[in-house]
């Protein structure tokens, strides 16, 4: 499968999830509310968007980890002579691992999105449990910390003069997850949390 077509498998759910965590998402859900009643309230829309986004972020992170392994074995996946080349970015031995533990960035992203997915999914299943507040704050904190990692990785891309489309999709998923966790945290602090 063409790498750019495959990228759409991650971009589309990430963007749909992003739209659902934004404040104006109610107009998007109108056609689906009869079939999926949870989309009729803000909390349900936020959970849907956040679960979709973190799942897509996890999947694209696994893909970048696989690309990293493939390139390190001498293969290629999406090599290009243009500015968009995930092989050149992910396969760069100087920048392809985190500077503290030496782990591949794709692995770091996969673990992070897996934790975020657990936090949001468990909260969606028991929205009135006593630990919900801490789950939402922890998710907000993790995704906020992701902005510093995104800044570092964008700096690396600037140094290489290449852009990794798969990495950018994971970055967008982190931004969407931050918005979703932050909005859920604020909603949980209000009287509207249990509004039907």
N, C-alpha and C. Protein backbone atom coordinates (compact mmCIF):
# COMPACT_ATOMS: atom_id res chain seq x y z
N UNK A 1 0.85 -1.18 0.00
CA UNK A 1 0.00 0.00 0.00
C UNK A 1 0.89 1.24 0.00
N UNK A 2 0.50 2.22 -0.76
CA UNK A 2 1.24 3.48 -0.84
C UNK A 2 1.29 4.13 0.55
N UNK A 3 2.48 4.59 0.99
CA UNK A 3 2.61 5.18 2.33
C UNK A 3 1.69 6.39 2.57
N UNK A 4 1.45 7.19 1.53
CA UNK A 4 0.58 8.36 1.71
C UNK A 4 -0.89 7.96 1.84
N UNK A 5 -1.29 6.89 1.15
CA UNK A 5 -2.64 6.38 1.32
C UNK A 5 -2.78 5.77 2.71
N UNK A 6 -1.76 5.05 3.14
CA UNK A 6 -1.78 4.44 4.47
C UNK A 6 -1.83 5.51 5.55
N UNK A 7 -1.18 6.63 5.31
CA UNK A 7 -1.19 7.73 6.27
C UNK A 7 -2.62 8.22 6.53
N UNK A 8 -3.47 8.16 5.51
CA UNK A 8 -4.87 8.58 5.67
C UNK A 8 -5.60 7.75 6.72
N UNK A 9 -5.18 6.49 6.91
CA UNK A 9 -5.81 5.63 7.92
C UNK A 9 -5.60 6.19 9.33
N UNK A 10 -4.58 7.03 9.49
CA UNK A 10 -4.31 7.67 10.78
C UNK A 10 -4.81 9.11 10.81
N UNK A 11 -4.67 9.79 9.70
CA UNK A 11 -5.05 11.21 9.64
C UNK A 11 -6.56 11.39 9.81
N UNK A 12 -7.36 10.58 9.12
CA UNK A 12 -8.81 10.76 9.15
C UNK A 12 -9.38 10.60 10.57
N UNK A 13 -9.07 9.50 11.30
CA UNK A 13 -9.62 9.42 12.66
C UNK A 13 -9.05 10.49 13.60
N UNK A 14 -7.80 10.89 13.38
CA UNK A 14 -7.22 11.95 14.21
C UNK A 14 -7.99 13.25 14.01
N UNK A 15 -8.28 13.60 12.77
CA UNK A 15 -9.01 14.84 12.49
C UNK A 15 -10.46 14.78 12.96
N UNK A 16 -11.11 13.62 12.79
CA UNK A 16 -12.48 13.48 13.28
C UNK A 16 -12.51 13.62 14.80
N UNK A 17 -11.57 12.95 15.46
CA UNK A 17 -11.48 13.07 16.91
C UNK A 17 -11.21 14.50 17.34
N UNK A 18 -10.32 15.18 16.61
CA UNK A 18 -9.99 16.57 16.91
C UNK A 18 -11.25 17.44 16.82
N UNK A 19 -12.04 17.24 15.76
CA UNK A 19 -13.26 18.03 15.60
C UNK A 19 -14.24 17.78 16.75
N UNK A 20 -14.29 16.55 17.24
CA UNK A 20 -15.24 16.23 18.31
C UNK A 20 -14.81 16.77 19.68
N UNK A 21 -13.54 17.11 19.87
CA UNK A 21 -13.14 17.68 21.16
C UNK A 21 -13.24 19.21 21.16
N UNK A 22 -13.55 19.78 20.03
CA UNK A 22 -13.70 21.24 19.95
C UNK A 22 -15.09 21.65 20.43
N UNK A 23 -15.23 22.90 20.88
CA UNK A 23 -16.51 23.35 21.44
C UNK A 23 -17.71 23.29 20.50
N UNK A 24 -17.49 23.38 19.20
CA UNK A 24 -18.61 23.43 18.26
C UNK A 24 -18.98 22.05 17.69
N UNK A 25 -18.61 20.98 18.38
CA UNK A 25 -18.80 19.64 17.84
C UNK A 25 -20.26 19.18 17.81
N UNK A 26 -21.15 19.91 18.47
CA UNK A 26 -22.55 19.46 18.53
C UNK A 26 -23.19 19.37 17.14
N UNK A 27 -22.81 20.26 16.23
CA UNK A 27 -23.41 20.19 14.89
C UNK A 27 -22.93 18.96 14.12
N UNK A 28 -21.74 18.44 14.45
CA UNK A 28 -21.23 17.25 13.78
C UNK A 28 -21.99 16.00 14.21
N UNK A 29 -22.42 16.00 15.46
CA UNK A 29 -23.03 14.78 16.00
C UNK A 29 -24.52 14.66 15.73
N UNK A 30 -25.16 15.72 15.31
CA UNK A 30 -26.62 15.71 15.13
C UNK A 30 -27.11 14.52 14.31
N UNK A 31 -26.50 14.21 13.16
CA UNK A 31 -27.02 13.09 12.36
C UNK A 31 -26.85 11.72 13.03
N UNK A 32 -26.00 11.63 14.05
CA UNK A 32 -25.69 10.33 14.66
C UNK A 32 -26.30 10.15 16.04
N UNK A 33 -26.96 11.19 16.57
CA UNK A 33 -27.43 11.15 17.96
C UNK A 33 -28.53 10.12 18.20
N UNK A 34 -29.35 9.86 17.20
CA UNK A 34 -30.41 8.87 17.39
C UNK A 34 -29.81 7.48 17.53
N UNK A 35 -28.82 7.18 16.72
CA UNK A 35 -28.17 5.87 16.77
C UNK A 35 -27.20 5.77 17.94
N UNK A 36 -26.52 6.86 18.29
CA UNK A 36 -25.55 6.90 19.39
C UNK A 36 -25.94 8.01 20.36
N UNK A 37 -26.82 7.72 21.31
CA UNK A 37 -27.34 8.75 22.22
C UNK A 37 -26.26 9.46 23.03
N UNK A 38 -25.13 8.82 23.26
CA UNK A 38 -24.08 9.46 24.06
C UNK A 38 -23.53 10.71 23.39
N UNK A 39 -23.70 10.82 22.07
CA UNK A 39 -23.20 12.00 21.36
C UNK A 39 -24.11 13.22 21.52
N UNK A 40 -25.23 13.05 22.21
CA UNK A 40 -26.16 14.16 22.36
C UNK A 40 -25.74 15.14 23.46
N UNK A 41 -24.74 14.76 24.28
CA UNK A 41 -24.27 15.69 25.30
C UNK A 41 -22.77 15.93 25.15
N UNK A 42 -22.31 17.00 25.74
CA UNK A 42 -20.91 17.41 25.57
C UNK A 42 -19.94 16.36 26.10
N UNK A 43 -20.23 15.78 27.24
CA UNK A 43 -19.33 14.78 27.81
C UNK A 43 -19.17 13.60 26.86
N UNK A 44 -20.27 13.13 26.29
CA UNK A 44 -20.20 12.00 25.36
C UNK A 44 -19.40 12.33 24.11
N UNK A 45 -19.58 13.53 23.59
CA UNK A 45 -18.82 13.94 22.40
C UNK A 45 -17.33 14.04 22.72
N UNK A 46 -17.00 14.58 23.89
CA UNK A 46 -15.60 14.69 24.28
C UNK A 46 -14.96 13.32 24.46
N UNK A 47 -15.68 12.40 25.11
CA UNK A 47 -15.15 11.04 25.26
C UNK A 47 -14.94 10.38 23.90
N UNK A 48 -15.92 10.51 23.01
CA UNK A 48 -15.80 9.90 21.68
C UNK A 48 -14.58 10.46 20.95
N UNK A 49 -14.47 11.78 20.90
CA UNK A 49 -13.36 12.40 20.19
C UNK A 49 -12.01 12.05 20.79
N UNK A 50 -11.96 12.01 22.11
CA UNK A 50 -10.70 11.72 22.79
C UNK A 50 -10.28 10.27 22.61
N UNK A 51 -11.24 9.36 22.70
CA UNK A 51 -10.91 7.93 22.48
C UNK A 51 -10.44 7.71 21.05
N UNK A 52 -11.13 8.31 20.09
CA UNK A 52 -10.73 8.17 18.68
C UNK A 52 -9.34 8.74 18.44
N UNK A 53 -9.07 9.90 19.02
CA UNK A 53 -7.78 10.56 18.83
C UNK A 53 -6.64 9.78 19.48
N UNK A 54 -6.84 9.31 20.71
CA UNK A 54 -5.76 8.58 21.38
C UNK A 54 -5.52 7.23 20.71
N UNK A 55 -6.57 6.61 20.21
CA UNK A 55 -6.40 5.35 19.48
C UNK A 55 -5.61 5.57 18.20
N UNK A 56 -5.94 6.64 17.46
CA UNK A 56 -5.20 6.96 16.24
C UNK A 56 -3.76 7.34 16.56
N UNK A 57 -3.56 8.08 17.65
CA UNK A 57 -2.19 8.44 18.07
C UNK A 57 -1.37 7.21 18.42
N UNK A 58 -1.99 6.26 19.09
CA UNK A 58 -1.31 5.00 19.41
C UNK A 58 -0.93 4.26 18.14
N UNK A 59 -1.88 4.15 17.21
CA UNK A 59 -1.64 3.41 15.97
C UNK A 59 -0.54 4.05 15.13
N UNK A 60 -0.55 5.37 15.00
CA UNK A 60 0.48 6.02 14.18
C UNK A 60 1.84 5.95 14.87
N UNK A 61 1.86 5.94 16.20
CA UNK A 61 3.13 5.78 16.91
C UNK A 61 3.71 4.39 16.69
N UNK A 62 2.85 3.37 16.68
CA UNK A 62 3.30 2.01 16.37
C UNK A 62 3.86 1.96 14.95
N UNK A 63 3.20 2.66 14.03
CA UNK A 63 3.67 2.70 12.64
C UNK A 63 5.06 3.35 12.57
N UNK A 64 5.28 4.45 13.30
CA UNK A 64 6.60 5.09 13.27
C UNK A 64 7.66 4.19 13.89
N UNK A 65 7.28 3.44 14.92
CA UNK A 65 8.22 2.48 15.51
C UNK A 65 8.60 1.41 14.50
N UNK A 66 7.62 0.94 13.74
CA UNK A 66 7.88 -0.06 12.70
C UNK A 66 8.77 0.52 11.59
N UNK A 67 8.49 1.76 11.19
CA UNK A 67 9.31 2.42 10.16
C UNK A 67 10.75 2.53 10.65
N UNK A 68 10.92 2.90 11.91
CA UNK A 68 12.25 3.02 12.50
C UNK A 68 13.01 1.70 12.42
N UNK A 69 12.32 0.60 12.74
CA UNK A 69 12.94 -0.73 12.67
C UNK A 69 13.29 -1.10 11.23
N UNK A 70 12.37 -0.81 10.31
CA UNK A 70 12.59 -1.15 8.90
C UNK A 70 13.78 -0.39 8.33
N UNK A 71 13.86 0.91 8.64
CA UNK A 71 14.96 1.73 8.13
C UNK A 71 16.29 1.29 8.75
N UNK A 72 16.28 0.93 10.03
CA UNK A 72 17.52 0.50 10.68
C UNK A 72 18.04 -0.82 10.10
N UNK A 73 17.16 -1.60 9.49
CA UNK A 73 17.55 -2.85 8.83
C UNK A 73 17.99 -2.62 7.38
N UNK A 74 17.97 -1.38 6.92
CA UNK A 74 18.41 -1.06 5.58
C UNK A 74 17.29 -0.91 4.56
N UNK A 75 16.06 -1.08 4.98
CA UNK A 75 14.93 -0.94 4.07
C UNK A 75 14.48 0.50 3.97
N UNK A 76 13.41 0.71 3.23
CA UNK A 76 12.80 2.04 3.20
C UNK A 76 11.29 1.88 3.15
N UNK A 77 10.60 2.94 3.52
CA UNK A 77 9.14 2.89 3.58
C UNK A 77 8.54 4.06 2.80
N UNK A 78 8.96 5.26 3.15
CA UNK A 78 8.40 6.43 2.46
C UNK A 78 9.51 7.42 2.09
N UNK A 79 10.63 6.88 1.61
CA UNK A 79 11.74 7.74 1.20
C UNK A 79 11.30 8.63 0.04
N UNK A 80 11.78 9.85 0.08
CA UNK A 80 11.40 10.81 -0.95
C UNK A 80 12.51 11.84 -1.09
N UNK A 81 12.59 12.41 -2.27
CA UNK A 81 13.58 13.47 -2.47
C UNK A 81 12.98 14.83 -2.09
N UNK A 82 11.70 14.84 -1.74
CA UNK A 82 11.06 16.10 -1.36
C UNK A 82 11.28 16.38 0.12
N UNK A 83 10.68 17.45 0.60
CA UNK A 83 10.81 17.83 2.01
C UNK A 83 10.08 16.84 2.91
N UNK A 84 9.08 16.11 2.37
CA UNK A 84 8.35 15.11 3.14
C UNK A 84 9.01 13.75 2.99
N UNK A 85 9.69 13.28 4.03
CA UNK A 85 10.34 11.98 3.98
C UNK A 85 10.45 11.43 5.39
N UNK A 86 9.52 10.55 5.74
CA UNK A 86 9.55 9.99 7.09
C UNK A 86 10.77 9.11 7.30
N UNK A 87 11.27 8.45 6.23
CA UNK A 87 12.47 7.62 6.37
C UNK A 87 13.67 8.45 6.80
N UNK A 88 13.84 9.63 6.19
CA UNK A 88 14.98 10.47 6.53
C UNK A 88 14.90 10.97 7.97
N UNK A 89 13.70 11.26 8.44
CA UNK A 89 13.54 11.77 9.80
C UNK A 89 13.64 10.64 10.82
N UNK A 90 12.82 9.61 10.65
CA UNK A 90 12.77 8.51 11.61
C UNK A 90 14.05 7.68 11.57
N UNK A 91 14.66 7.58 10.40
CA UNK A 91 15.87 6.77 10.27
C UNK A 91 17.16 7.50 10.60
N UNK A 92 17.08 8.76 10.99
CA UNK A 92 18.28 9.53 11.33
C UNK A 92 18.81 9.07 12.68
N UNK A 93 20.00 8.45 12.68
CA UNK A 93 20.57 7.87 13.90
C UNK A 93 20.84 8.92 14.98
N UNK A 94 21.06 10.16 14.58
CA UNK A 94 21.36 11.21 15.54
C UNK A 94 20.12 11.68 16.30
N UNK A 95 18.95 11.59 15.66
CA UNK A 95 17.73 12.17 16.25
C UNK A 95 16.60 11.18 16.51
N UNK A 96 16.75 9.91 16.17
CA UNK A 96 15.60 9.01 16.21
C UNK A 96 15.30 8.39 17.58
N UNK A 97 16.05 8.76 18.61
CA UNK A 97 15.78 8.25 19.96
C UNK A 97 15.73 9.41 20.95
N UNK A 98 15.03 9.17 22.06
CA UNK A 98 14.96 10.23 23.06
C UNK A 98 16.33 10.36 23.74
N UNK A 99 16.72 11.59 24.10
CA UNK A 99 18.07 11.83 24.61
C UNK A 99 18.32 11.32 26.03
N UNK A 100 17.28 10.94 26.75
CA UNK A 100 17.47 10.51 28.15
C UNK A 100 17.63 8.99 28.25
N UNK A 101 16.68 8.24 27.70
CA UNK A 101 16.68 6.78 27.84
C UNK A 101 17.16 6.06 26.58
N UNK A 102 17.26 6.77 25.48
CA UNK A 102 17.68 6.16 24.22
C UNK A 102 16.61 5.30 23.57
N UNK A 103 15.35 5.52 23.93
CA UNK A 103 14.24 4.76 23.34
C UNK A 103 13.80 5.41 22.04
N UNK A 104 13.35 4.61 21.07
CA UNK A 104 12.84 5.18 19.82
C UNK A 104 11.62 6.05 20.10
N UNK A 105 11.52 7.17 19.39
CA UNK A 105 10.40 8.09 19.61
C UNK A 105 9.06 7.43 19.36
N UNK A 106 8.99 6.51 18.41
CA UNK A 106 7.74 5.81 18.14
C UNK A 106 7.30 4.98 19.35
N UNK A 107 8.24 4.36 20.02
CA UNK A 107 7.93 3.60 21.24
C UNK A 107 7.46 4.49 22.37
N UNK A 108 8.10 5.65 22.51
CA UNK A 108 7.70 6.61 23.54
C UNK A 108 6.26 7.07 23.27
N UNK A 109 5.97 7.37 22.00
CA UNK A 109 4.61 7.79 21.64
C UNK A 109 3.59 6.69 21.86
N UNK A 110 3.94 5.46 21.50
CA UNK A 110 3.00 4.34 21.67
C UNK A 110 2.65 4.13 23.13
N UNK A 111 3.66 4.15 24.01
CA UNK A 111 3.41 3.97 25.44
C UNK A 111 2.57 5.12 25.97
N UNK A 112 2.91 6.34 25.57
CA UNK A 112 2.16 7.52 26.05
C UNK A 112 0.71 7.47 25.62
N UNK A 113 0.46 7.20 24.34
CA UNK A 113 -0.93 7.15 23.87
C UNK A 113 -1.69 5.97 24.47
N UNK A 114 -1.00 4.89 24.77
CA UNK A 114 -1.64 3.75 25.43
C UNK A 114 -2.11 4.16 26.84
N UNK A 115 -1.27 4.89 27.56
CA UNK A 115 -1.65 5.38 28.89
C UNK A 115 -2.83 6.34 28.77
N UNK A 116 -2.77 7.24 27.80
CA UNK A 116 -3.86 8.20 27.61
C UNK A 116 -5.16 7.48 27.26
N UNK A 117 -5.07 6.46 26.42
CA UNK A 117 -6.25 5.70 26.03
C UNK A 117 -6.85 5.01 27.26
N UNK A 118 -6.00 4.46 28.11
CA UNK A 118 -6.50 3.84 29.35
C UNK A 118 -7.21 4.87 30.22
N UNK A 119 -6.59 6.04 30.39
CA UNK A 119 -7.17 7.07 31.24
C UNK A 119 -8.55 7.50 30.75
N UNK A 120 -8.67 7.76 29.45
CA UNK A 120 -9.96 8.25 28.93
C UNK A 120 -10.99 7.14 28.85
N UNK A 121 -10.58 5.94 28.47
CA UNK A 121 -11.55 4.85 28.34
C UNK A 121 -12.11 4.45 29.70
N UNK A 122 -11.23 4.31 30.69
CA UNK A 122 -11.70 3.94 32.03
C UNK A 122 -12.61 5.03 32.60
N UNK A 123 -12.28 6.29 32.34
CA UNK A 123 -13.11 7.39 32.81
C UNK A 123 -14.47 7.38 32.12
N UNK A 124 -14.49 7.05 30.85
CA UNK A 124 -15.77 7.03 30.12
C UNK A 124 -16.69 5.93 30.64
N UNK A 125 -16.10 4.84 31.13
CA UNK A 125 -16.91 3.72 31.63
C UNK A 125 -17.44 3.97 33.03
N UNK A 126 -16.72 4.74 33.83
CA UNK A 126 -17.17 5.06 35.20
C UNK A 126 -16.99 6.55 35.45
N UNK A 127 -17.81 7.38 34.80
CA UNK A 127 -17.59 8.83 34.85
C UNK A 127 -17.82 9.47 36.21
N UNK A 128 -18.41 8.75 37.16
CA UNK A 128 -18.64 9.34 38.48
C UNK A 128 -17.81 8.68 39.58
N UNK A 129 -16.80 7.91 39.19
CA UNK A 129 -15.91 7.31 40.18
C UNK A 129 -15.06 8.39 40.83
N UNK A 130 -14.56 8.09 42.03
CA UNK A 130 -13.81 9.11 42.76
C UNK A 130 -12.45 9.42 42.14
N UNK A 131 -11.92 8.51 41.32
CA UNK A 131 -10.62 8.72 40.70
C UNK A 131 -10.68 9.46 39.36
N UNK A 132 -11.87 9.79 38.89
CA UNK A 132 -12.03 10.44 37.58
C UNK A 132 -11.27 11.76 37.53
N UNK A 133 -11.37 12.56 38.57
CA UNK A 133 -10.70 13.86 38.60
C UNK A 133 -9.19 13.70 38.42
N UNK A 134 -8.59 12.74 39.11
CA UNK A 134 -7.14 12.54 38.99
C UNK A 134 -6.76 12.00 37.62
N UNK A 135 -7.60 11.12 37.03
CA UNK A 135 -7.33 10.61 35.68
C UNK A 135 -7.31 11.76 34.67
N UNK A 136 -8.29 12.65 34.77
CA UNK A 136 -8.38 13.75 33.81
C UNK A 136 -7.24 14.74 34.00
N UNK A 137 -6.87 15.01 35.22
CA UNK A 137 -5.73 15.91 35.47
C UNK A 137 -4.42 15.29 35.00
N UNK A 138 -4.27 14.00 35.22
CA UNK A 138 -3.05 13.30 34.78
C UNK A 138 -2.97 13.31 33.25
N UNK A 139 -4.09 13.06 32.57
CA UNK A 139 -4.11 13.10 31.11
C UNK A 139 -3.78 14.48 30.58
N UNK A 140 -4.31 15.52 31.24
CA UNK A 140 -4.00 16.89 30.84
C UNK A 140 -2.52 17.18 31.02
N UNK A 141 -1.96 16.73 32.14
CA UNK A 141 -0.54 16.96 32.42
C UNK A 141 0.36 16.23 31.40
N UNK A 142 0.03 14.99 31.11
CA UNK A 142 0.84 14.22 30.13
C UNK A 142 0.82 14.90 28.77
N UNK A 143 -0.37 15.28 28.31
CA UNK A 143 -0.47 15.88 26.97
C UNK A 143 0.16 17.27 26.94
N UNK A 144 0.10 18.00 28.05
CA UNK A 144 0.79 19.29 28.11
C UNK A 144 2.30 19.08 28.02
N UNK A 145 2.81 18.08 28.72
CA UNK A 145 4.24 17.74 28.62
C UNK A 145 4.63 17.34 27.20
N UNK A 146 3.69 16.78 26.46
CA UNK A 146 3.95 16.40 25.08
C UNK A 146 4.31 17.58 24.19
N UNK A 147 3.86 18.79 24.57
CA UNK A 147 4.20 19.98 23.77
C UNK A 147 5.71 20.23 23.75
N UNK A 148 6.39 19.94 24.85
CA UNK A 148 7.84 20.13 24.90
C UNK A 148 8.55 19.11 24.00
N UNK A 149 8.04 17.89 23.98
CA UNK A 149 8.61 16.86 23.10
C UNK A 149 8.34 17.21 21.65
N UNK A 150 7.13 17.69 21.36
CA UNK A 150 6.81 18.12 19.99
C UNK A 150 7.76 19.22 19.55
N UNK A 151 8.00 20.20 20.42
CA UNK A 151 8.92 21.29 20.08
C UNK A 151 10.31 20.76 19.77
N UNK A 152 10.79 19.79 20.55
CA UNK A 152 12.10 19.19 20.30
C UNK A 152 12.11 18.47 18.96
N UNK A 153 11.08 17.69 18.68
CA UNK A 153 11.04 16.92 17.43
C UNK A 153 10.90 17.83 16.21
N UNK A 154 10.14 18.91 16.34
CA UNK A 154 10.05 19.87 15.24
C UNK A 154 11.40 20.55 15.02
N UNK A 155 12.12 20.82 16.11
CA UNK A 155 13.47 21.38 16.00
C UNK A 155 14.38 20.40 15.23
N UNK A 156 14.27 19.10 15.55
CA UNK A 156 15.06 18.09 14.83
C UNK A 156 14.72 18.11 13.35
N UNK A 157 13.43 18.18 13.03
CA UNK A 157 13.02 18.20 11.63
C UNK A 157 13.56 19.46 10.94
N UNK A 158 13.57 20.56 11.64
CA UNK A 158 14.12 21.80 11.10
C UNK A 158 15.61 21.63 10.81
N UNK A 159 16.32 20.96 11.71
CA UNK A 159 17.75 20.70 11.51
C UNK A 159 17.99 19.82 10.28
N UNK A 160 17.13 18.84 10.07
CA UNK A 160 17.28 17.90 8.94
C UNK A 160 16.70 18.46 7.64
N UNK A 161 15.89 19.53 7.75
CA UNK A 161 15.19 20.12 6.61
C UNK A 161 14.27 19.11 5.93
N UNK A 162 13.67 18.24 6.76
CA UNK A 162 12.71 17.24 6.30
C UNK A 162 11.53 17.22 7.26
N UNK A 163 10.37 16.76 6.78
CA UNK A 163 9.19 16.65 7.62
C UNK A 163 8.69 15.21 7.55
N UNK A 164 8.40 14.66 8.72
CA UNK A 164 7.83 13.32 8.81
C UNK A 164 6.32 13.45 8.95
N UNK A 165 5.58 13.00 7.93
CA UNK A 165 4.13 13.11 7.93
C UNK A 165 3.50 12.29 9.06
N UNK A 166 4.06 11.12 9.33
CA UNK A 166 3.53 10.25 10.38
C UNK A 166 3.76 10.88 11.76
N UNK A 167 4.92 11.47 11.95
CA UNK A 167 5.23 12.14 13.22
C UNK A 167 4.29 13.32 13.42
N UNK A 168 4.05 14.08 12.36
CA UNK A 168 3.17 15.25 12.45
C UNK A 168 1.75 14.81 12.84
N UNK A 169 1.30 13.67 12.34
CA UNK A 169 -0.01 13.16 12.71
C UNK A 169 -0.06 12.84 14.20
N UNK A 170 1.01 12.25 14.73
CA UNK A 170 1.07 11.97 16.18
C UNK A 170 1.08 13.27 16.98
N UNK A 171 1.75 14.30 16.45
CA UNK A 171 1.78 15.59 17.14
C UNK A 171 0.38 16.22 17.19
N UNK A 172 -0.33 16.14 16.07
CA UNK A 172 -1.70 16.68 16.03
C UNK A 172 -2.59 15.90 17.00
N UNK A 173 -2.38 14.58 17.09
CA UNK A 173 -3.16 13.76 18.03
C UNK A 173 -2.90 14.20 19.47
N UNK A 174 -1.66 14.56 19.78
CA UNK A 174 -1.35 15.04 21.14
C UNK A 174 -2.06 16.36 21.42
N UNK A 175 -2.04 17.26 20.45
CA UNK A 175 -2.72 18.55 20.63
C UNK A 175 -4.22 18.33 20.86
N UNK A 176 -4.82 17.47 20.04
CA UNK A 176 -6.24 17.17 20.20
C UNK A 176 -6.52 16.52 21.55
N UNK A 177 -5.63 15.62 21.97
CA UNK A 177 -5.81 14.96 23.27
C UNK A 177 -5.70 15.96 24.41
N UNK A 178 -4.79 16.92 24.29
CA UNK A 178 -4.69 17.96 25.33
C UNK A 178 -6.00 18.74 25.43
N UNK A 179 -6.52 19.16 24.29
CA UNK A 179 -7.78 19.92 24.29
C UNK A 179 -8.89 19.07 24.91
N UNK A 180 -8.97 17.80 24.51
CA UNK A 180 -10.01 16.92 25.04
C UNK A 180 -9.90 16.71 26.54
N UNK A 181 -8.69 16.39 27.02
CA UNK A 181 -8.52 16.18 28.46
C UNK A 181 -8.78 17.46 29.24
N UNK A 182 -8.30 18.58 28.72
CA UNK A 182 -8.51 19.86 29.42
C UNK A 182 -10.00 20.19 29.50
N UNK A 183 -10.71 20.02 28.38
CA UNK A 183 -12.14 20.33 28.38
C UNK A 183 -12.92 19.37 29.27
N UNK A 184 -12.54 18.08 29.29
CA UNK A 184 -13.20 17.13 30.18
C UNK A 184 -12.92 17.48 31.64
N UNK A 185 -11.70 17.88 31.93
CA UNK A 185 -11.34 18.26 33.30
C UNK A 185 -12.18 19.44 33.76
N UNK A 186 -12.31 20.44 32.89
CA UNK A 186 -13.13 21.62 33.23
C UNK A 186 -14.61 21.25 33.37
N UNK A 187 -15.08 20.39 32.48
CA UNK A 187 -16.47 19.96 32.54
C UNK A 187 -16.74 19.19 33.83
N UNK A 188 -15.78 18.36 34.25
CA UNK A 188 -15.92 17.58 35.47
C UNK A 188 -16.00 18.48 36.71
N UNK A 189 -15.39 19.64 36.63
CA UNK A 189 -15.41 20.58 37.74
C UNK A 189 -16.69 21.41 37.78
N UNK A 190 -17.53 21.28 36.75
CA UNK A 190 -18.75 22.07 36.67
C UNK A 190 -19.96 21.21 37.02
N UNK A 191 -21.12 21.85 37.08
CA UNK A 191 -22.36 21.15 37.37
C UNK A 191 -22.92 20.43 36.14
N UNK A 192 -22.32 20.67 34.98
CA UNK A 192 -22.82 20.09 33.73
C UNK A 192 -22.31 18.67 33.46
N UNK A 193 -21.46 18.13 34.34
CA UNK A 193 -20.84 16.82 34.11
C UNK A 193 -21.87 15.72 33.87
N UNK A 194 -22.92 15.69 34.68
CA UNK A 194 -23.95 14.66 34.57
C UNK A 194 -25.19 15.09 33.80
N UNK A 195 -25.08 16.19 33.09
CA UNK A 195 -26.21 16.69 32.30
C UNK A 195 -26.48 15.75 31.14
N UNK A 196 -27.72 15.39 30.95
CA UNK A 196 -28.10 14.48 29.86
C UNK A 196 -28.55 15.24 28.65
